[in-house]
Amino acid sequence: MRDIAELASEIIAREGGYVDDPDDPGGATNFGVTIHTMRRLGMDLTRDGVVDALDVRALTRGQAVTLFLGHYYERPGIARLPERLQPSVFDMYVNAGTNAVKILQRLLREMGQGIEVDGLIGPRTVAAAEAAAKAAPDHIADAYGIARRNYYLSLADARPSSRKFARSRAGGKGGWIKRAEEFISPRFHLSEAEFKARISAW
């Protein structure tokens, strides 16, 4: 597997710089780090006694990498998962928190593993992931990526304000879908026709 710090840098490149989209529940965000995360960690970078959008703007790329490695890779236990799964689960954890693990746990249940869907990477989830990776070594990463893509599409189905993240202004694949498909083999990417058919009800 590639160096994990390199993966963190790639996540930052996908996340981009400062944004504060009213339709994004994450609120003010910089390099993929939300204001909620910075408040939870007490990251008062401007030292004015409050953690607000100015602190989010002040966050550096290096600080974001350090935060990702400590709080989105090591602390949740992603390092304990099979190597094939780590890049996509790590990327999704930055994007969606514990939902990244819940997506994996639901997938593992579909593959016959009797585990709870609680968003925590404990011994049972690790064992189940290892068993699934051993049973389907050439497909487990694709299966997770597809489940992740389906999660994004389901969010957009239920929340019209989020559809702009799944569908571009031109009607093609939006950032969420492109991001998921970066971790899916090209043969499993949705074609333009398949994507348009999937979102036709929007």
N, C-alpha and C. Protein backbone atom coordinates (compact mmCIF):
# COMPACT_ATOMS: atom_id res chain seq x y z
N MET A 1 0.84 -1.20 0.00
CA MET A 1 0.00 0.00 0.00
C MET A 1 0.87 1.25 0.00
N ARG A 2 0.37 2.31 -0.61
CA ARG A 2 1.10 3.56 -0.62
C ARG A 2 1.24 4.14 0.78
N ASP A 3 2.21 5.01 0.95
CA ASP A 3 2.44 5.67 2.23
C ASP A 3 1.18 6.39 2.68
N ILE A 4 0.82 6.24 3.95
CA ILE A 4 -0.44 6.78 4.43
C ILE A 4 -0.44 8.31 4.42
N ALA A 5 0.72 8.93 4.62
CA ALA A 5 0.79 10.39 4.55
C ALA A 5 0.51 10.86 3.12
N GLU A 6 0.93 10.06 2.15
CA GLU A 6 0.65 10.38 0.75
C GLU A 6 -0.86 10.31 0.49
N LEU A 7 -1.50 9.29 1.07
CA LEU A 7 -2.95 9.17 0.94
C LEU A 7 -3.65 10.37 1.55
N ALA A 8 -3.15 10.83 2.71
CA ALA A 8 -3.75 12.00 3.35
C ALA A 8 -3.61 13.24 2.47
N SER A 9 -2.47 13.38 1.83
CA SER A 9 -2.25 14.53 0.93
C SER A 9 -3.19 14.46 -0.27
N GLU A 10 -3.44 13.25 -0.75
CA GLU A 10 -4.36 13.08 -1.88
C GLU A 10 -5.79 13.44 -1.46
N ILE A 11 -6.15 13.10 -0.23
CA ILE A 11 -7.48 13.45 0.27
C ILE A 11 -7.64 14.97 0.31
N ILE A 12 -6.60 15.66 0.77
CA ILE A 12 -6.64 17.12 0.83
C ILE A 12 -6.81 17.70 -0.56
N ALA A 13 -6.13 17.10 -1.55
CA ALA A 13 -6.27 17.58 -2.93
C ALA A 13 -7.70 17.41 -3.42
N ARG A 14 -8.34 16.30 -3.02
CA ARG A 14 -9.73 16.09 -3.42
C ARG A 14 -10.67 17.05 -2.70
N GLU A 15 -10.38 17.33 -1.45
CA GLU A 15 -11.25 18.19 -0.64
C GLU A 15 -11.15 19.65 -1.07
N GLY A 16 -9.97 20.09 -1.46
CA GLY A 16 -9.80 21.48 -1.86
C GLY A 16 -9.64 22.40 -0.67
N GLY A 17 -9.73 23.69 -0.93
CA GLY A 17 -9.50 24.69 0.11
C GLY A 17 -10.76 25.07 0.87
N TYR A 18 -10.82 26.33 1.25
CA TYR A 18 -11.90 26.80 2.11
C TYR A 18 -13.22 26.90 1.36
N VAL A 19 -14.28 26.35 1.96
CA VAL A 19 -15.64 26.48 1.44
C VAL A 19 -16.60 26.60 2.62
N ASP A 20 -17.72 27.26 2.37
CA ASP A 20 -18.77 27.36 3.39
C ASP A 20 -20.11 27.32 2.67
N ASP A 21 -20.48 26.12 2.24
CA ASP A 21 -21.70 25.92 1.46
C ASP A 21 -22.88 25.74 2.41
N PRO A 22 -23.92 26.56 2.30
CA PRO A 22 -25.07 26.43 3.20
C PRO A 22 -25.79 25.09 3.09
N ASP A 23 -25.60 24.37 1.97
CA ASP A 23 -26.24 23.07 1.80
C ASP A 23 -25.40 21.92 2.33
N ASP A 24 -24.19 22.24 2.80
CA ASP A 24 -23.30 21.21 3.34
C ASP A 24 -23.42 21.21 4.87
N PRO A 25 -23.91 20.10 5.46
CA PRO A 25 -24.06 20.04 6.91
C PRO A 25 -22.74 20.25 7.67
N GLY A 26 -21.62 20.06 6.97
CA GLY A 26 -20.32 20.23 7.63
C GLY A 26 -20.00 21.67 7.96
N GLY A 27 -20.69 22.62 7.32
CA GLY A 27 -20.42 24.03 7.58
C GLY A 27 -19.09 24.47 6.98
N ALA A 28 -18.51 25.51 7.54
CA ALA A 28 -17.22 26.01 7.05
C ALA A 28 -16.19 24.89 7.10
N THR A 29 -15.47 24.71 5.98
CA THR A 29 -14.54 23.59 5.84
C THR A 29 -13.30 24.05 5.10
N ASN A 30 -12.15 23.57 5.51
CA ASN A 30 -10.89 23.86 4.83
C ASN A 30 -10.06 22.60 4.75
N PHE A 31 -9.63 22.23 3.56
CA PHE A 31 -8.87 21.00 3.34
C PHE A 31 -9.62 19.77 3.83
N GLY A 32 -10.95 19.85 3.88
CA GLY A 32 -11.74 18.72 4.35
C GLY A 32 -11.98 18.70 5.85
N VAL A 33 -11.42 19.66 6.57
CA VAL A 33 -11.61 19.74 8.03
C VAL A 33 -12.74 20.72 8.31
N THR A 34 -13.78 20.25 9.01
CA THR A 34 -14.94 21.09 9.26
C THR A 34 -14.78 21.92 10.53
N ILE A 35 -15.59 22.96 10.60
CA ILE A 35 -15.59 23.80 11.80
C ILE A 35 -16.02 22.98 13.02
N HIS A 36 -16.90 21.99 12.83
CA HIS A 36 -17.36 21.16 13.95
C HIS A 36 -16.20 20.35 14.52
N THR A 37 -15.36 19.82 13.63
CA THR A 37 -14.19 19.05 14.07
C THR A 37 -13.23 19.96 14.83
N MET A 38 -12.99 21.14 14.29
CA MET A 38 -12.06 22.06 14.95
C MET A 38 -12.58 22.51 16.31
N ARG A 39 -13.89 22.69 16.43
CA ARG A 39 -14.45 23.04 17.74
C ARG A 39 -14.32 21.89 18.72
N ARG A 40 -14.58 20.69 18.23
CA ARG A 40 -14.47 19.51 19.10
C ARG A 40 -13.05 19.35 19.62
N LEU A 41 -12.06 19.70 18.80
CA LEU A 41 -10.66 19.55 19.19
C LEU A 41 -10.09 20.81 19.83
N GLY A 42 -10.91 21.85 19.94
CA GLY A 42 -10.44 23.09 20.56
C GLY A 42 -9.35 23.80 19.76
N MET A 43 -9.46 23.78 18.44
CA MET A 43 -8.42 24.35 17.58
C MET A 43 -8.65 25.86 17.36
N ASP A 44 -8.36 26.63 18.38
CA ASP A 44 -8.49 28.08 18.33
C ASP A 44 -7.19 28.65 17.75
N LEU A 45 -7.04 28.58 16.44
CA LEU A 45 -5.79 28.95 15.79
C LEU A 45 -5.52 30.45 15.85
N THR A 46 -6.59 31.24 15.91
CA THR A 46 -6.40 32.69 15.97
C THR A 46 -6.25 33.20 17.40
N ARG A 47 -6.42 32.29 18.36
CA ARG A 47 -6.24 32.60 19.78
C ARG A 47 -7.09 33.79 20.25
N ASP A 48 -8.34 33.78 19.79
CA ASP A 48 -9.24 34.85 20.22
C ASP A 48 -10.34 34.34 21.15
N GLY A 49 -10.19 33.09 21.60
CA GLY A 49 -11.13 32.54 22.57
C GLY A 49 -12.33 31.83 21.99
N VAL A 50 -12.49 31.86 20.66
CA VAL A 50 -13.58 31.14 20.01
C VAL A 50 -13.03 30.41 18.78
N VAL A 51 -13.69 29.31 18.43
CA VAL A 51 -13.33 28.60 17.20
C VAL A 51 -14.42 28.91 16.20
N ASP A 52 -14.06 29.70 15.19
CA ASP A 52 -15.05 30.12 14.20
C ASP A 52 -14.47 29.99 12.79
N ALA A 53 -15.14 30.58 11.81
CA ALA A 53 -14.71 30.45 10.42
C ALA A 53 -13.30 31.01 10.19
N LEU A 54 -12.89 31.98 10.99
CA LEU A 54 -11.53 32.52 10.84
C LEU A 54 -10.48 31.46 11.17
N ASP A 55 -10.78 30.61 12.14
CA ASP A 55 -9.85 29.53 12.49
C ASP A 55 -9.81 28.49 11.37
N VAL A 56 -10.97 28.23 10.78
CA VAL A 56 -11.02 27.28 9.66
C VAL A 56 -10.16 27.80 8.51
N ARG A 57 -10.29 29.09 8.22
CA ARG A 57 -9.48 29.69 7.16
C ARG A 57 -7.98 29.63 7.48
N ALA A 58 -7.65 29.72 8.77
CA ALA A 58 -6.24 29.76 9.19
C ALA A 58 -5.57 28.39 9.17
N LEU A 59 -6.36 27.34 9.06
CA LEU A 59 -5.79 25.98 9.06
C LEU A 59 -4.83 25.80 7.89
N THR A 60 -3.67 25.20 8.16
CA THR A 60 -2.71 24.95 7.10
C THR A 60 -2.85 23.53 6.56
N ARG A 61 -2.31 23.32 5.39
CA ARG A 61 -2.32 21.98 4.78
C ARG A 61 -1.61 20.97 5.69
N GLY A 62 -0.49 21.37 6.27
CA GLY A 62 0.25 20.48 7.16
C GLY A 62 -0.55 20.10 8.39
N GLN A 63 -1.26 21.06 8.95
CA GLN A 63 -2.11 20.77 10.11
C GLN A 63 -3.23 19.81 9.75
N ALA A 64 -3.77 19.96 8.53
CA ALA A 64 -4.84 19.07 8.08
C ALA A 64 -4.32 17.64 7.94
N VAL A 65 -3.13 17.48 7.37
CA VAL A 65 -2.54 16.15 7.22
C VAL A 65 -2.36 15.50 8.58
N THR A 66 -1.80 16.25 9.52
CA THR A 66 -1.58 15.72 10.87
C THR A 66 -2.89 15.31 11.52
N LEU A 67 -3.92 16.14 11.36
CA LEU A 67 -5.22 15.84 11.93
C LEU A 67 -5.82 14.57 11.30
N PHE A 68 -5.72 14.47 9.99
CA PHE A 68 -6.26 13.29 9.30
C PHE A 68 -5.60 12.01 9.78
N LEU A 69 -4.29 12.04 9.88
CA LEU A 69 -3.57 10.83 10.29
C LEU A 69 -3.93 10.42 11.71
N GLY A 70 -4.03 11.39 12.60
CA GLY A 70 -4.31 11.07 13.99
C GLY A 70 -5.76 10.76 14.29
N HIS A 71 -6.67 11.56 13.73
CA HIS A 71 -8.08 11.48 14.11
C HIS A 71 -8.97 10.74 13.12
N TYR A 72 -8.49 10.55 11.89
CA TYR A 72 -9.32 9.89 10.89
C TYR A 72 -8.71 8.58 10.37
N TYR A 73 -7.52 8.28 10.82
CA TYR A 73 -6.87 7.03 10.40
C TYR A 73 -6.50 6.18 11.61
N GLU A 74 -5.65 6.72 12.48
CA GLU A 74 -5.19 5.95 13.64
C GLU A 74 -6.30 5.76 14.68
N ARG A 75 -6.91 6.85 15.12
CA ARG A 75 -7.89 6.77 16.21
C ARG A 75 -9.08 5.87 15.88
N PRO A 76 -9.68 5.94 14.69
CA PRO A 76 -10.82 5.06 14.41
C PRO A 76 -10.42 3.60 14.19
N GLY A 77 -9.12 3.34 13.97
CA GLY A 77 -8.67 1.98 13.78
C GLY A 77 -8.62 1.53 12.33
N ILE A 78 -8.62 2.47 11.39
CA ILE A 78 -8.56 2.11 9.97
C ILE A 78 -7.27 1.37 9.65
N ALA A 79 -6.22 1.66 10.40
CA ALA A 79 -4.94 0.97 10.19
C ALA A 79 -5.04 -0.53 10.45
N ARG A 80 -6.10 -0.96 11.16
CA ARG A 80 -6.26 -2.38 11.48
C ARG A 80 -7.00 -3.14 10.39
N LEU A 81 -7.58 -2.42 9.43
CA LEU A 81 -8.31 -3.07 8.35
C LEU A 81 -7.36 -3.64 7.31
N PRO A 82 -7.82 -4.59 6.48
CA PRO A 82 -6.98 -5.09 5.38
C PRO A 82 -6.51 -3.93 4.50
N GLU A 83 -5.29 -4.03 4.00
CA GLU A 83 -4.70 -2.95 3.24
C GLU A 83 -5.54 -2.54 2.04
N ARG A 84 -6.19 -3.50 1.40
CA ARG A 84 -6.99 -3.18 0.21
C ARG A 84 -8.13 -2.21 0.52
N LEU A 85 -8.61 -2.24 1.75
CA LEU A 85 -9.74 -1.39 2.14
C LEU A 85 -9.32 -0.03 2.69
N GLN A 86 -8.13 0.06 3.20
CA GLN A 86 -7.73 1.26 3.93
C GLN A 86 -7.84 2.56 3.14
N PRO A 87 -7.37 2.65 1.89
CA PRO A 87 -7.42 3.94 1.20
C PRO A 87 -8.84 4.50 1.06
N SER A 88 -9.78 3.66 0.63
CA SER A 88 -11.14 4.15 0.42
C SER A 88 -11.87 4.43 1.73
N VAL A 89 -11.69 3.56 2.73
CA VAL A 89 -12.35 3.80 4.02
C VAL A 89 -11.78 5.07 4.67
N PHE A 90 -10.49 5.27 4.57
CA PHE A 90 -9.84 6.48 5.11
C PHE A 90 -10.41 7.72 4.43
N ASP A 91 -10.45 7.70 3.10
CA ASP A 91 -10.98 8.83 2.35
C ASP A 91 -12.43 9.10 2.74
N MET A 92 -13.22 8.04 2.88
CA MET A 92 -14.62 8.20 3.22
C MET A 92 -14.79 8.66 4.66
N TYR A 93 -13.91 8.24 5.56
CA TYR A 93 -14.01 8.67 6.96
C TYR A 93 -13.82 10.17 7.06
N VAL A 94 -12.88 10.71 6.27
CA VAL A 94 -12.69 12.16 6.25
C VAL A 94 -13.96 12.83 5.73
N ASN A 95 -14.58 12.22 4.74
CA ASN A 95 -15.76 12.81 4.10
C ASN A 95 -17.04 12.62 4.89
N ALA A 96 -17.18 11.49 5.60
CA ALA A 96 -18.47 11.16 6.22
C ALA A 96 -18.38 10.59 7.63
N GLY A 97 -17.23 10.65 8.26
CA GLY A 97 -17.10 10.17 9.63
C GLY A 97 -17.43 8.70 9.79
N THR A 98 -18.12 8.36 10.87
CA THR A 98 -18.39 6.95 11.17
C THR A 98 -19.28 6.26 10.14
N ASN A 99 -19.95 7.04 9.28
CA ASN A 99 -20.72 6.43 8.21
C ASN A 99 -19.83 5.60 7.29
N ALA A 100 -18.54 5.97 7.20
CA ALA A 100 -17.60 5.20 6.39
C ALA A 100 -17.50 3.77 6.91
N VAL A 101 -17.49 3.62 8.22
CA VAL A 101 -17.39 2.29 8.82
C VAL A 101 -18.73 1.57 8.73
N LYS A 102 -19.82 2.30 8.90
CA LYS A 102 -21.13 1.67 8.80
C LYS A 102 -21.37 1.10 7.40
N ILE A 103 -20.91 1.81 6.38
CA ILE A 103 -21.02 1.30 5.01
C ILE A 103 -20.26 -0.01 4.89
N LEU A 104 -19.05 -0.05 5.46
CA LEU A 104 -18.27 -1.29 5.43
C LEU A 104 -18.97 -2.40 6.20
N GLN A 105 -19.49 -2.10 7.35
CA GLN A 105 -20.14 -3.12 8.17
C GLN A 105 -21.39 -3.68 7.48
N ARG A 106 -22.16 -2.82 6.82
CA ARG A 106 -23.33 -3.31 6.08
C ARG A 106 -22.90 -4.22 4.94
N LEU A 107 -21.81 -3.83 4.26
CA LEU A 107 -21.29 -4.67 3.19
C LEU A 107 -20.85 -6.03 3.72
N LEU A 108 -20.15 -6.02 4.84
CA LEU A 108 -19.68 -7.27 5.43
C LEU A 108 -20.85 -8.16 5.85
N ARG A 109 -21.92 -7.56 6.33
CA ARG A 109 -23.12 -8.34 6.68
C ARG A 109 -23.71 -8.97 5.42
N GLU A 110 -23.73 -8.21 4.33
CA GLU A 110 -24.23 -8.75 3.06
C GLU A 110 -23.37 -9.92 2.58
N MET A 111 -22.12 -9.91 2.99
CA MET A 111 -21.19 -10.99 2.60
C MET A 111 -21.22 -12.14 3.60
N GLY A 112 -22.17 -12.10 4.53
CA GLY A 112 -22.36 -13.21 5.45
C GLY A 112 -21.68 -13.10 6.78
N GLN A 113 -21.11 -11.93 7.08
CA GLN A 113 -20.42 -11.75 8.36
C GLN A 113 -21.42 -11.24 9.41
N GLY A 114 -21.50 -11.91 10.54
CA GLY A 114 -22.46 -11.55 11.58
C GLY A 114 -21.93 -10.50 12.53
N ILE A 115 -21.95 -9.25 12.10
CA ILE A 115 -21.43 -8.17 12.94
C ILE A 115 -22.49 -7.08 13.09
N GLU A 116 -22.30 -6.23 14.09
CA GLU A 116 -23.20 -5.10 14.30
C GLU A 116 -22.80 -3.93 13.40
N VAL A 117 -23.77 -3.11 13.07
CA VAL A 117 -23.50 -1.89 12.31
C VAL A 117 -23.51 -0.73 13.30
N ASP A 118 -22.35 -0.45 13.89
CA ASP A 118 -22.26 0.57 14.93
C ASP A 118 -21.26 1.68 14.62
N GLY A 119 -20.57 1.59 13.47
CA GLY A 119 -19.63 2.62 13.09
C GLY A 119 -18.30 2.57 13.81
N LEU A 120 -18.06 1.49 14.57
CA LEU A 120 -16.81 1.34 15.32
C LEU A 120 -16.00 0.17 14.78
N ILE A 121 -14.70 0.37 14.65
CA ILE A 121 -13.83 -0.70 14.17
C ILE A 121 -13.26 -1.44 15.38
N GLY A 122 -13.98 -2.47 15.82
CA GLY A 122 -13.53 -3.30 16.92
C GLY A 122 -13.00 -4.62 16.39
N PRO A 123 -12.65 -5.54 17.28
CA PRO A 123 -12.08 -6.83 16.88
C PRO A 123 -12.98 -7.61 15.92
N ARG A 124 -14.29 -7.56 16.12
CA ARG A 124 -15.19 -8.32 15.25
C ARG A 124 -15.24 -7.75 13.84
N THR A 125 -15.25 -6.44 13.75
CA THR A 125 -15.25 -5.81 12.43
C THR A 125 -13.94 -6.10 11.70
N VAL A 126 -12.84 -6.02 12.43
CA VAL A 126 -11.54 -6.32 11.82
C VAL A 126 -11.50 -7.77 11.32
N ALA A 127 -11.95 -8.70 12.16
CA ALA A 127 -11.95 -10.11 11.77
C ALA A 127 -12.85 -10.35 10.57
N ALA A 128 -14.03 -9.70 10.57
CA ALA A 128 -14.96 -9.86 9.47
C ALA A 128 -14.37 -9.29 8.18
N ALA A 129 -13.71 -8.15 8.26
CA ALA A 129 -13.09 -7.54 7.09
C ALA A 129 -11.96 -8.42 6.55
N GLU A 130 -11.18 -8.99 7.46
CA GLU A 130 -10.11 -9.88 7.03
C GLU A 130 -10.65 -11.12 6.34
N ALA A 131 -11.74 -11.67 6.89
CA ALA A 131 -12.36 -12.86 6.29
C ALA A 131 -12.92 -12.53 4.90
N ALA A 132 -13.56 -11.39 4.77
CA ALA A 132 -14.14 -10.99 3.49
C ALA A 132 -13.05 -10.71 2.46
N ALA A 133 -11.97 -10.07 2.90
CA ALA A 133 -10.86 -9.78 1.99
C ALA A 133 -10.18 -11.06 1.54
N LYS A 134 -10.12 -12.04 2.42
CA LYS A 134 -9.53 -13.32 2.05
C LYS A 134 -10.42 -14.09 1.08
N ALA A 135 -11.74 -13.98 1.28
CA ALA A 135 -12.68 -14.68 0.41
C ALA A 135 -12.79 -14.03 -0.97
N ALA A 136 -12.63 -12.71 -1.03
CA ALA A 136 -12.78 -11.99 -2.30
C ALA A 136 -11.66 -10.96 -2.46
N PRO A 137 -10.42 -11.40 -2.51
CA PRO A 137 -9.29 -10.45 -2.52
C PRO A 137 -9.29 -9.49 -3.71
N ASP A 138 -9.81 -9.94 -4.83
CA ASP A 138 -9.79 -9.10 -6.03
C ASP A 138 -11.02 -8.20 -6.15
N HIS A 139 -11.96 -8.35 -5.22
CA HIS A 139 -13.22 -7.61 -5.36
C HIS A 139 -13.62 -6.79 -4.14
N ILE A 140 -12.99 -7.00 -3.00
CA ILE A 140 -13.45 -6.35 -1.77
C ILE A 140 -13.35 -4.82 -1.86
N ALA A 141 -12.29 -4.30 -2.46
CA ALA A 141 -12.15 -2.84 -2.57
C ALA A 141 -13.21 -2.27 -3.51
N ASP A 142 -13.46 -2.97 -4.62
CA ASP A 142 -14.50 -2.53 -5.54
C ASP A 142 -15.87 -2.58 -4.87
N ALA A 143 -16.12 -3.64 -4.11
CA ALA A 143 -17.41 -3.79 -3.44
C ALA A 143 -17.65 -2.64 -2.47
N TYR A 144 -16.61 -2.27 -1.73
CA TYR A 144 -16.76 -1.14 -0.81
C TYR A 144 -16.98 0.15 -1.58
N GLY A 145 -16.21 0.36 -2.64
CA GLY A 145 -16.39 1.58 -3.44
C GLY A 145 -17.78 1.70 -4.01
N ILE A 146 -18.34 0.58 -4.49
CA ILE A 146 -19.69 0.59 -5.03
C ILE A 146 -20.71 0.89 -3.92
N ALA A 147 -20.50 0.29 -2.75
CA ALA A 147 -21.40 0.56 -1.62
C ALA A 147 -21.33 2.03 -1.23
N ARG A 148 -20.15 2.57 -1.30
CA ARG A 148 -19.96 3.99 -0.99
C ARG A 148 -20.68 4.86 -2.02
N ARG A 149 -20.54 4.52 -3.29
CA ARG A 149 -21.24 5.26 -4.35
C ARG A 149 -22.75 5.20 -4.13
N ASN A 150 -23.24 4.02 -3.78
CA ASN A 150 -24.68 3.85 -3.52
C ASN A 150 -25.14 4.69 -2.33
N TYR A 151 -24.28 4.82 -1.34
CA TYR A 151 -24.59 5.65 -0.16
C TYR A 151 -24.78 7.11 -0.59
N TYR A 152 -23.86 7.62 -1.40
CA TYR A 152 -23.98 9.00 -1.87
C TYR A 152 -25.27 9.19 -2.66
N LEU A 153 -25.57 8.25 -3.55
CA LEU A 153 -26.77 8.36 -4.36
C LEU A 153 -28.03 8.33 -3.51
N SER A 154 -28.01 7.48 -2.48
CA SER A 154 -29.17 7.40 -1.58
C SER A 154 -29.35 8.70 -0.80
N LEU A 155 -28.24 9.31 -0.39
CA LEU A 155 -28.32 10.60 0.29
C LEU A 155 -28.98 11.64 -0.61
N ALA A 156 -28.54 11.66 -1.86
CA ALA A 156 -29.09 12.62 -2.81
C ALA A 156 -30.55 12.31 -3.14
N ASP A 157 -30.93 11.03 -3.14
CA ASP A 157 -32.33 10.67 -3.33
C ASP A 157 -33.20 11.31 -2.25
N ALA A 158 -32.73 11.22 -1.02
CA ALA A 158 -33.51 11.65 0.13
C ALA A 158 -33.40 13.14 0.42
N ARG A 159 -32.31 13.76 -0.04
CA ARG A 159 -32.08 15.16 0.32
C ARG A 159 -31.77 15.97 -0.94
N PRO A 160 -32.80 16.56 -1.58
CA PRO A 160 -32.60 17.29 -2.83
C PRO A 160 -31.49 18.33 -2.78
N SER A 161 -31.28 18.96 -1.62
CA SER A 161 -30.24 19.99 -1.52
C SER A 161 -28.84 19.42 -1.70
N SER A 162 -28.70 18.10 -1.54
CA SER A 162 -27.39 17.46 -1.69
C SER A 162 -27.13 16.97 -3.10
N ARG A 163 -28.12 17.07 -3.98
CA ARG A 163 -27.96 16.51 -5.32
C ARG A 163 -26.86 17.20 -6.12
N LYS A 164 -26.57 18.44 -5.78
CA LYS A 164 -25.51 19.15 -6.51
C LYS A 164 -24.14 18.56 -6.23
N PHE A 165 -24.02 17.78 -5.15
CA PHE A 165 -22.74 17.12 -4.86
C PHE A 165 -22.60 15.81 -5.62
N ALA A 166 -23.73 15.25 -6.06
CA ALA A 166 -23.72 13.98 -6.79
C ALA A 166 -23.86 14.16 -8.29
N ARG A 167 -24.42 15.28 -8.70
CA ARG A 167 -24.64 15.55 -10.12
C ARG A 167 -24.08 16.92 -10.47
N SER A 168 -23.33 17.00 -11.54
CA SER A 168 -22.75 18.28 -11.94
C SER A 168 -23.81 19.18 -12.55
N ARG A 169 -23.49 20.43 -12.73
CA ARG A 169 -24.43 21.38 -13.33
C ARG A 169 -24.78 20.96 -14.75
N ALA A 170 -23.84 20.29 -15.41
CA ALA A 170 -24.08 19.84 -16.78
C ALA A 170 -24.89 18.54 -16.83
N GLY A 171 -25.15 17.96 -15.66
CA GLY A 171 -25.95 16.74 -15.62
C GLY A 171 -25.15 15.46 -15.52
N GLY A 172 -23.82 15.59 -15.53
CA GLY A 172 -22.96 14.40 -15.41
C GLY A 172 -22.66 14.08 -13.95
N LYS A 173 -21.70 13.21 -13.75
CA LYS A 173 -21.33 12.80 -12.40
C LYS A 173 -20.75 13.99 -11.62
N GLY A 174 -21.24 14.14 -10.40
CA GLY A 174 -20.73 15.19 -9.53
C GLY A 174 -19.56 14.71 -8.69
N GLY A 175 -19.10 15.59 -7.82
CA GLY A 175 -17.90 15.29 -7.03
C GLY A 175 -18.00 14.05 -6.18
N TRP A 176 -19.14 13.82 -5.54
CA TRP A 176 -19.29 12.63 -4.71
C TRP A 176 -19.07 11.36 -5.52
N ILE A 177 -19.71 11.28 -6.67
CA ILE A 177 -19.65 10.05 -7.48
C ILE A 177 -18.24 9.87 -8.06
N LYS A 178 -17.65 10.93 -8.54
CA LYS A 178 -16.29 10.84 -9.06
C LYS A 178 -15.32 10.41 -7.97
N ARG A 179 -15.55 10.92 -6.78
CA ARG A 179 -14.66 10.58 -5.65
C ARG A 179 -14.76 9.10 -5.32
N ALA A 180 -15.98 8.58 -5.25
CA ALA A 180 -16.15 7.16 -4.97
C ALA A 180 -15.51 6.31 -6.05
N GLU A 181 -15.67 6.72 -7.30
CA GLU A 181 -15.17 5.90 -8.42
C GLU A 181 -13.66 5.94 -8.56
N GLU A 182 -13.00 6.87 -7.86
CA GLU A 182 -11.53 6.84 -7.85
C GLU A 182 -11.03 5.56 -7.19
N PHE A 183 -11.86 4.93 -6.38
CA PHE A 183 -11.48 3.72 -5.65
C PHE A 183 -12.17 2.48 -6.21
N ILE A 184 -12.78 2.61 -7.38
CA ILE A 184 -13.47 1.49 -8.03
C ILE A 184 -12.80 1.22 -9.37
N SER A 185 -12.59 -0.05 -9.70
CA SER A 185 -12.01 -0.40 -11.00
C SER A 185 -12.86 0.18 -12.12
N PRO A 186 -12.22 0.67 -13.19
CA PRO A 186 -12.98 1.30 -14.29
C PRO A 186 -14.14 0.46 -14.83
N ARG A 187 -13.98 -0.86 -14.81
CA ARG A 187 -15.05 -1.70 -15.38
C ARG A 187 -16.34 -1.62 -14.56
N PHE A 188 -16.25 -1.12 -13.34
CA PHE A 188 -17.44 -0.99 -12.50
C PHE A 188 -17.93 0.45 -12.38
N HIS A 189 -17.33 1.36 -13.15
CA HIS A 189 -17.82 2.73 -13.15
C HIS A 189 -19.16 2.79 -13.87
N LEU A 190 -20.02 3.69 -13.44
CA LEU A 190 -21.28 3.89 -14.15
C LEU A 190 -20.99 4.60 -15.47
N SER A 191 -21.59 4.10 -16.54
CA SER A 191 -21.48 4.81 -17.81
C SER A 191 -22.34 6.07 -17.73
N GLU A 192 -22.17 6.96 -18.68
CA GLU A 192 -22.97 8.18 -18.69
C GLU A 192 -24.46 7.85 -18.75
N ALA A 193 -24.81 6.86 -19.58
CA ALA A 193 -26.21 6.47 -19.71
C ALA A 193 -26.73 5.84 -18.42
N GLU A 194 -25.91 5.01 -17.79
CA GLU A 194 -26.31 4.38 -16.53
C GLU A 194 -26.51 5.42 -15.44
N PHE A 195 -25.61 6.39 -15.39
CA PHE A 195 -25.74 7.43 -14.37
C PHE A 195 -27.01 8.25 -14.59
N LYS A 196 -27.26 8.64 -15.83
CA LYS A 196 -28.46 9.44 -16.11
C LYS A 196 -29.73 8.67 -15.81
N ALA A 197 -29.71 7.36 -16.06
CA ALA A 197 -30.87 6.55 -15.74
C ALA A 197 -31.07 6.47 -14.23
N ARG A 198 -29.96 6.38 -13.49
CA ARG A 198 -30.04 6.28 -12.03
C ARG A 198 -30.63 7.53 -11.40
N ILE A 199 -30.31 8.69 -11.96
CA ILE A 199 -30.77 9.94 -11.34
C ILE A 199 -31.98 10.54 -12.06
N SER A 200 -32.59 9.79 -12.94
CA SER A 200 -33.68 10.33 -13.76
C SER A 200 -34.85 10.86 -12.93
N ALA A 201 -35.05 10.30 -11.74
CA ALA A 201 -36.16 10.75 -10.90
C ALA A 201 -35.88 12.08 -10.21
N TRP A 202 -34.66 12.56 -10.26
CA TRP A 202 -34.33 13.82 -9.60
C TRP A 202 -34.89 15.01 -10.37
